[in-house]
Structure formats: C-alpha cells, structure tokens
N, C-alpha and C. Protein backbone atom coordinates (compact mmCIF):
# COMPACT_ATOMS: atom_id res chain seq x y z
N MET A 1 -27.33 -21.60 -29.65
CA MET A 1 -28.40 -20.90 -28.51
C MET A 1 -27.82 -19.24 -28.82
N ALA A 2 -28.64 -18.57 -29.80
CA ALA A 2 -28.08 -16.95 -29.91
C ALA A 2 -28.58 -15.81 -28.85
N PHE A 3 -27.72 -14.81 -28.17
CA PHE A 3 -28.41 -13.99 -27.42
C PHE A 3 -28.58 -13.28 -28.11
N GLY A 4 -29.73 -12.26 -26.82
CA GLY A 4 -29.85 -11.44 -27.86
C GLY A 4 -29.34 -10.17 -26.82
N VAL A 5 -29.69 -8.87 -27.26
CA VAL A 5 -28.80 -7.76 -27.26
C VAL A 5 -29.05 -7.45 -25.14
N GLN A 6 -30.38 -7.92 -24.74
CA GLN A 6 -30.28 -7.76 -23.55
C GLN A 6 -29.24 -8.96 -22.50
N GLU A 7 -29.59 -10.20 -23.33
CA GLU A 7 -27.57 -10.81 -22.57
C GLU A 7 -26.18 -10.07 -22.55
N ILE A 8 -26.02 -9.69 -23.62
CA ILE A 8 -24.93 -9.55 -24.15
C ILE A 8 -24.66 -8.02 -22.78
N THR A 9 -25.70 -6.91 -22.73
CA THR A 9 -25.48 -5.84 -22.53
C THR A 9 -25.05 -6.70 -20.80
N LEU A 10 -26.14 -6.96 -20.61
CA LEU A 10 -25.94 -7.34 -19.11
C LEU A 10 -24.53 -8.21 -18.88
N ALA A 11 -23.95 -9.40 -19.75
CA ALA A 11 -22.73 -9.72 -19.47
C ALA A 11 -21.54 -8.73 -19.67
N ILE A 12 -21.67 -7.78 -20.29
CA ILE A 12 -20.68 -6.65 -19.99
C ILE A 12 -20.77 -5.83 -19.13
N ILE A 13 -21.90 -5.45 -18.29
CA ILE A 13 -22.17 -4.86 -17.39
C ILE A 13 -21.35 -5.51 -15.88
N ILE A 14 -22.19 -7.05 -16.12
CA ILE A 14 -21.57 -7.98 -15.05
C ILE A 14 -19.66 -8.17 -15.04
N GLY A 15 -19.23 -8.26 -16.15
CA GLY A 15 -18.25 -8.37 -16.52
C GLY A 15 -17.42 -7.24 -15.99
N THR A 16 -17.92 -6.16 -16.28
CA THR A 16 -17.11 -4.77 -16.07
C THR A 16 -17.22 -4.59 -14.19
N LEU A 17 -18.52 -4.88 -13.63
CA LEU A 17 -18.42 -5.09 -12.15
C LEU A 17 -17.48 -6.07 -11.64
N ALA A 18 -17.27 -6.69 -12.52
CA ALA A 18 -16.06 -8.18 -11.98
C ALA A 18 -14.73 -7.47 -11.71
N ALA A 19 -14.46 -6.61 -12.62
CA ALA A 19 -13.29 -6.09 -13.15
C ALA A 19 -12.82 -4.94 -12.07
N ILE A 20 -13.84 -4.27 -11.61
CA ILE A 20 -14.17 -3.10 -10.82
C ILE A 20 -13.40 -3.52 -9.44
N VAL A 21 -14.32 -4.98 -8.82
CA VAL A 21 -14.11 -5.60 -7.78
C VAL A 21 -13.10 -5.82 -7.55
N TYR A 22 -12.32 -6.92 -8.47
CA TYR A 22 -10.89 -7.51 -8.94
C TYR A 22 -9.68 -6.14 -8.48
N SER A 23 -10.09 -5.12 -9.01
CA SER A 23 -9.21 -4.05 -9.11
C SER A 23 -8.92 -3.45 -7.86
N LEU A 24 -10.11 -3.44 -7.00
CA LEU A 24 -10.43 -2.49 -5.47
C LEU A 24 -9.67 -3.71 -4.80
N ARG A 25 -9.50 -4.84 -4.94
CA ARG A 25 -8.87 -5.78 -3.97
C ARG A 25 -7.44 -5.44 -4.03
N ILE A 26 -6.93 -5.89 -5.34
CA ILE A 26 -5.89 -5.29 -5.61
C ILE A 26 -5.18 -4.10 -4.74
N LEU A 27 -5.79 -3.07 -5.23
CA LEU A 27 -5.68 -1.45 -4.47
C LEU A 27 -5.68 -2.06 -3.08
N VAL A 28 -6.74 -2.85 -2.23
CA VAL A 28 -6.45 -3.10 -0.75
C VAL A 28 -4.92 -3.62 -0.45
N LEU A 29 -4.56 -4.88 -1.34
CA LEU A 29 -3.25 -5.40 -0.81
C LEU A 29 -2.43 -4.71 -1.16
N MET A 30 -2.16 -3.65 -1.70
CA MET A 30 -1.15 -2.89 -2.17
C MET A 30 -1.32 -1.56 -1.20
N GLU A 31 -2.30 -1.45 -0.28
CA GLU A 31 -2.10 -0.30 0.32
C GLU A 31 -1.90 -1.12 1.69
N ARG A 32 -2.26 -2.21 1.89
CA ARG A 32 -1.34 -2.82 3.12
C ARG A 32 -0.13 -2.65 3.08
N ARG A 33 0.68 -3.53 2.02
CA ARG A 33 1.60 -3.37 1.76
C ARG A 33 2.72 -2.32 1.78
N ILE A 34 2.09 -0.70 1.56
CA ILE A 34 2.85 0.10 1.47
C ILE A 34 2.68 0.62 3.09
N ALA A 35 1.45 0.46 3.33
CA ALA A 35 1.48 0.54 4.97
C ALA A 35 2.50 -0.14 5.75
N ARG A 36 2.96 -1.38 5.86
CA ARG A 36 3.83 -2.36 6.15
C ARG A 36 5.20 -1.78 6.14
N ILE A 37 5.61 -1.05 4.92
CA ILE A 37 6.71 -0.76 4.29
C ILE A 37 7.34 0.81 5.11
N GLU A 38 6.02 1.70 5.17
CA GLU A 38 6.01 3.09 6.01
C GLU A 38 6.20 2.42 7.48
N THR A 39 5.90 1.33 7.73
CA THR A 39 6.35 0.73 9.31
C THR A 39 7.46 0.89 9.70
N HIS A 40 8.21 -0.01 8.53
CA HIS A 40 9.79 -0.38 8.87
C HIS A 40 10.18 0.84 8.52
N ILE A 41 9.94 1.83 8.02
CA ILE A 41 10.87 3.00 7.43
C ILE A 41 10.90 3.58 8.82
N GLU A 42 9.44 3.85 9.48
CA GLU A 42 9.49 4.37 10.90
C GLU A 42 10.73 3.95 11.70
N ARG A 43 10.62 2.55 11.64
CA ARG A 43 11.64 1.94 12.73
C ARG A 43 12.93 2.23 12.25
N VAL A 44 13.18 2.51 11.48
CA VAL A 44 14.71 2.41 10.86
C VAL A 44 15.01 3.90 11.47
N VAL A 45 13.92 5.14 11.10
CA VAL A 45 14.27 6.65 11.40
C VAL A 45 14.60 6.00 12.31
N ASP A 46 13.65 5.82 13.42
CA ASP A 46 13.56 6.04 15.10
C ASP A 46 15.24 5.67 15.54
N LYS A 47 15.47 4.71 14.96
CA LYS A 47 16.99 4.32 15.33
C LYS A 47 18.08 5.36 14.81
N VAL A 48 17.83 5.29 13.57
CA VAL A 48 19.18 6.58 13.44
C VAL A 48 18.87 7.75 14.32
N ILE A 49 17.80 8.46 14.54
CA ILE A 49 17.49 9.31 15.61
C ILE A 49 18.33 9.13 16.83
N LYS A 50 18.14 7.69 17.27
CA LYS A 50 18.57 7.38 18.68
C LYS A 50 20.06 7.44 18.42
N GLU A 51 20.65 6.84 17.10
CA GLU A 51 21.98 6.89 17.03
C GLU A 51 22.42 8.81 17.03
N GLU A 52 21.97 9.42 16.24
CA GLU A 52 22.11 10.29 15.91
C GLU A 52 22.21 11.56 17.43
N ILE A 53 21.37 11.18 18.20
CA ILE A 53 21.40 11.54 19.75
C ILE A 53 22.41 11.19 20.32
N LYS A 54 22.83 9.99 20.84
CA LYS A 54 24.31 9.33 21.06
C LYS A 54 24.99 10.16 20.56
N ILE A 55 25.65 10.48 19.24
CA ILE A 55 26.70 10.66 18.95
C ILE A 55 26.71 12.50 19.04
N GLU A 56 25.16 13.51 18.72
CA GLU A 56 25.47 14.65 19.39
C GLU A 56 25.66 14.42 21.08
N ARG A 57 25.33 13.55 21.83
CA ARG A 57 25.49 13.46 23.20
C ARG A 57 27.34 13.64 23.08
N GLY A 58 28.00 12.61 22.79
CA GLY A 58 29.55 12.08 22.87
C GLY A 58 29.79 13.65 22.14
N MET A 59 29.75 13.98 20.72
CA MET A 59 30.30 15.51 20.38
C MET A 59 30.38 16.50 21.61
N ARG A 60 29.13 16.34 22.74
CA ARG A 60 29.02 17.63 23.47
C ARG A 60 30.36 17.44 24.32
N ARG A 61 30.35 16.16 25.08
CA ARG A 61 31.32 15.95 26.42
C ARG A 61 32.76 16.18 26.23
N ARG A 62 32.88 16.00 24.71
CA ARG A 62 34.47 16.11 24.51
C ARG A 62 35.14 17.60 24.32
N HIS A 63 33.78 18.36 23.91
CA HIS A 63 34.03 20.12 23.87
C HIS A 63 33.87 20.57 25.06
C-alpha cells in the first residue's frame, strides 16, 4: 500500500495539529498549577502580614 504525496502531507498536517492541541492542554494544566501555587503564596503572605502587625502593635505598647 503506497501512499501518495497528498496522504503524506495530510498525515503531517494532522500530526502537527495533534501536537499543538496536546501542548495547549499541557499549558492549561501548568497554568492551573501555577494559579494554585500563587493562591497558597498569597495565603502565606497574608499570615505573615498579620503576624507583622501583631509584632508592631506589641512593640508600640512597650515604648
């Protein structure tokens, strides 16, 4: 079964499109992970800021 130029070209185009779709899927998954990491970082920063405020208030009361 010999393939002609059209079949080979079509196979290359379909393979390229499949690779693009797959890489877009991976990019979306990575973006979700990064968003989740950013959310965790924001929570930690909020906790640190609250602790900083407590410490500053404690320092003002001593002086």
